[in-house]
Protein backbone atom coordinates (compact mmCIF):
# COMPACT_ATOMS: atom_id res chain seq x y z
CA MET A 1 -66.96 74.52 123.22
CA SER A 2 -65.52 73.81 119.83
CA ASP A 3 -62.59 75.73 118.40
CA GLU A 4 -64.91 77.56 116.04
CA GLU A 5 -67.13 78.73 118.89
CA LYS A 6 -64.12 79.84 120.89
CA GLN A 7 -62.88 81.94 117.97
CA GLU A 8 -66.34 83.40 117.51
CA ASP A 9 -66.54 84.26 121.22
CA GLN A 10 -63.11 85.85 121.14
CA GLN A 11 -64.06 87.93 118.12
CA HIS A 12 -67.27 89.12 119.82
CA ARG A 13 -65.34 90.07 122.96
CA GLN A 14 -62.87 92.11 120.99
CA GLU A 15 -65.64 93.87 119.11
CA GLY A 16 -67.57 94.40 122.32
CA GLU A 17 -64.68 96.03 124.17
CA GLY A 18 -64.36 98.75 121.60
CA ALA A 19 -68.11 99.36 121.25
CA GLY A 20 -68.87 100.02 124.90
CA HIS A 21 -69.90 96.46 125.64
CA MET A 22 -70.75 95.74 129.19
CA GLY A 23 -68.80 92.68 130.27
CA GLY A 24 -70.55 89.48 131.08
CA LEU A 25 -71.38 86.16 129.67
CA LEU A 26 -71.16 85.95 125.92
CA ILE A 27 -73.07 83.08 124.25
CA GLY A 28 -72.28 81.93 120.72
CA THR A 29 -74.85 81.26 117.99
CA ARG A 30 -74.49 77.52 118.19
CA SER A 31 -74.90 77.60 121.93
CA LEU A 32 -78.13 79.59 121.48
CA TRP A 33 -79.47 76.96 119.08
CA LEU A 34 -78.49 74.24 121.53
CA ILE A 35 -80.31 75.98 124.38
CA ALA A 36 -83.37 76.60 122.20
CA GLY A 37 -83.43 72.93 121.14
CA GLY A 38 -83.17 71.80 124.75
CA ALA A 39 -86.02 74.10 125.75
CA LEU A 40 -88.20 72.79 122.93
CA GLY A 41 -87.34 69.23 123.95
CA ALA A 42 -88.35 69.95 127.53
CA LEU A 43 -91.64 71.49 126.39
CA ALA A 44 -92.29 68.52 124.15
CA ALA A 45 -91.63 66.11 127.03
CA LEU A 46 -94.01 68.05 129.29
CA SER A 47 -96.77 68.27 126.71
CA LEU A 48 -96.29 64.68 125.55
CA GLU A 49 -98.70 63.45 128.20
CA LYS A 50 -101.39 65.82 126.97
CA ILE A 51 -100.77 64.88 123.33
CA THR A 52 -100.55 61.17 124.11
CA GLY A 53 -104.21 61.12 125.15
CA LYS A 54 -105.23 62.45 121.74
CA VAL A 55 -102.68 60.59 119.60
CA ARG A 56 -102.90 57.23 121.37
CA PRO A 57 -106.18 56.06 119.75
CA ALA A 58 -104.82 56.90 116.30
CA ALA A 59 -101.57 55.09 117.05
CA VAL A 60 -103.46 52.04 118.36
CA GLY A 61 -105.62 52.03 115.21
CA ALA A 62 -102.55 52.26 112.95
CA VAL A 63 -100.80 49.41 114.78
CA LYS A 64 -104.02 47.33 114.67
CA GLU A 65 -104.29 47.81 110.89
CA GLY A 66 -100.61 46.94 110.49
CA TYR A 67 -101.15 43.74 112.46
CA ALA A 68 -104.24 42.88 110.37
CA PHE A 69 -102.19 43.40 107.21
CA LYS A 70 -99.42 41.15 108.56
CA GLU A 71 -101.98 38.42 109.30
CA TRP A 72 -103.48 38.79 105.81
CA VAL A 73 -100.04 38.50 104.18
CA ALA A 74 -99.17 35.47 106.35
CA GLY A 75 -102.45 33.78 105.34
CA ARG A 76 -101.81 34.41 101.65
CA TYR A 77 -98.24 33.16 102.01
CA GLU A 78 -99.42 29.92 103.63
CA LYS A 79 -102.01 29.37 100.88
CA VAL A 80 -99.46 29.90 98.11
CA LYS A 81 -96.97 27.65 99.93
CA GLU A 82 -99.61 24.92 100.27
CA ASP A 83 -100.50 25.22 96.57
CA PHE A 84 -96.85 24.78 95.57
CA GLU A 85 -96.51 21.78 97.89
CA ASP A 86 -99.61 20.21 96.30
CA ILE A 87 -98.23 20.81 92.81
CA ALA A 88 -94.88 19.27 93.76
CA ALA A 89 -96.55 16.23 95.34
CA GLU A 90 -98.73 15.72 92.28
CA ALA A 91 -95.74 15.99 89.95
CA ILE A 92 -93.78 13.44 92.02
CA TYR A 93 -96.76 11.05 92.02
CA GLU A 94 -97.14 11.27 88.24
CA TYR A 95 -93.41 10.80 87.72
CA GLU A 96 -93.33 7.68 89.90
CA ARG A 97 -96.47 6.32 88.21
CA GLU A 98 -94.88 6.80 84.79
CA GLN A 99 -91.69 5.13 86.00
CA GLY A 100 -93.77 2.20 87.29
CA ALA A 101 -95.61 1.98 83.97
CA ALA A 102 -92.29 2.04 82.12
CA ALA A 103 -91.01 -0.76 84.37
CA ASP A 104 -94.20 -2.77 83.68
CA ASP A 105 -93.72 -2.23 79.94
CA THR A 106 -90.13 -3.41 80.22
CA GLN A 107 -91.23 -6.56 82.08
CA ARG A 108 -93.91 -7.29 79.46
CA GLU A 109 -91.40 -6.83 76.65
CA LYS A 110 -88.98 -9.16 78.42
CA ALA A 111 -91.67 -11.81 78.88
CA ILE A 112 -92.65 -11.57 75.19
CA LEU A 113 -89.02 -11.87 74.09
CA GLU A 114 -88.55 -14.94 76.35
CA ARG A 115 -91.63 -16.61 74.80
CA ILE A 116 -90.37 -15.85 71.31
CA GLU A 117 -86.98 -17.28 72.23
CA ARG A 118 -88.59 -20.53 73.53
CA ILE A 119 -90.72 -20.86 70.40
CA VAL A 120 -87.67 -20.32 68.18
CA GLU A 121 -85.64 -22.89 70.16
CA GLU A 122 -88.49 -25.41 69.94
CA ARG A 123 -88.78 -24.98 66.18
CA LEU A 124 -85.01 -25.17 65.75
CA SER A 125 -84.93 -28.38 67.77
CA LYS A 126 -87.76 -29.80 65.62
CA ILE A 127 -85.89 -28.82 62.49
CA ASP A 128 -82.72 -30.41 63.84
CA ALA A 129 -84.69 -33.53 64.75
CA GLU A 130 -86.20 -33.71 61.28
CA LYS A 131 -82.77 -33.27 59.68
CA GLY A 132 -81.34 -35.96 61.90
CA SER A 133 -84.08 -38.45 61.00
CA SER A 134 -83.86 -37.68 57.28
CA GLU A 135 -80.09 -38.16 57.37
CA GLU A 136 -80.53 -41.53 59.08
CA LYS A 137 -83.02 -42.60 56.41
CA GLU A 138 -80.59 -41.63 53.69
CA GLU A 139 -77.82 -43.54 55.37
CA GLN A 140 -80.02 -46.58 55.65
CA SER A 141 -80.92 -46.46 52.05
């Protein structure tokens, strides 16, 4: 018993002695509620078997619907996940293709610049050769 119940019991005993109370067992209010709750719990436990027969099909149906919902959500999740993976793979492919195209462009530009450089060197060597032969002719004259 808690201190509060003890005080309550003591108070009831004192009141009872002066009012012609017949001695005996005095039960506090909280104890009464505890006993009533225990009795209801016992009744519920005894009648649970009877109720289970009626409630069980409804409970099975509710759990079945919950499981169906879980499966539906899992299916949707997998579809969305697959869509995102496809989008990511496509983006990576396009990126790598563009990088490859950029590398091809760079190689073409390099090849063009090398050809231009060779042509310029050939012309410069021809010009130098022409200057050299014209200088020799002038010296001979």
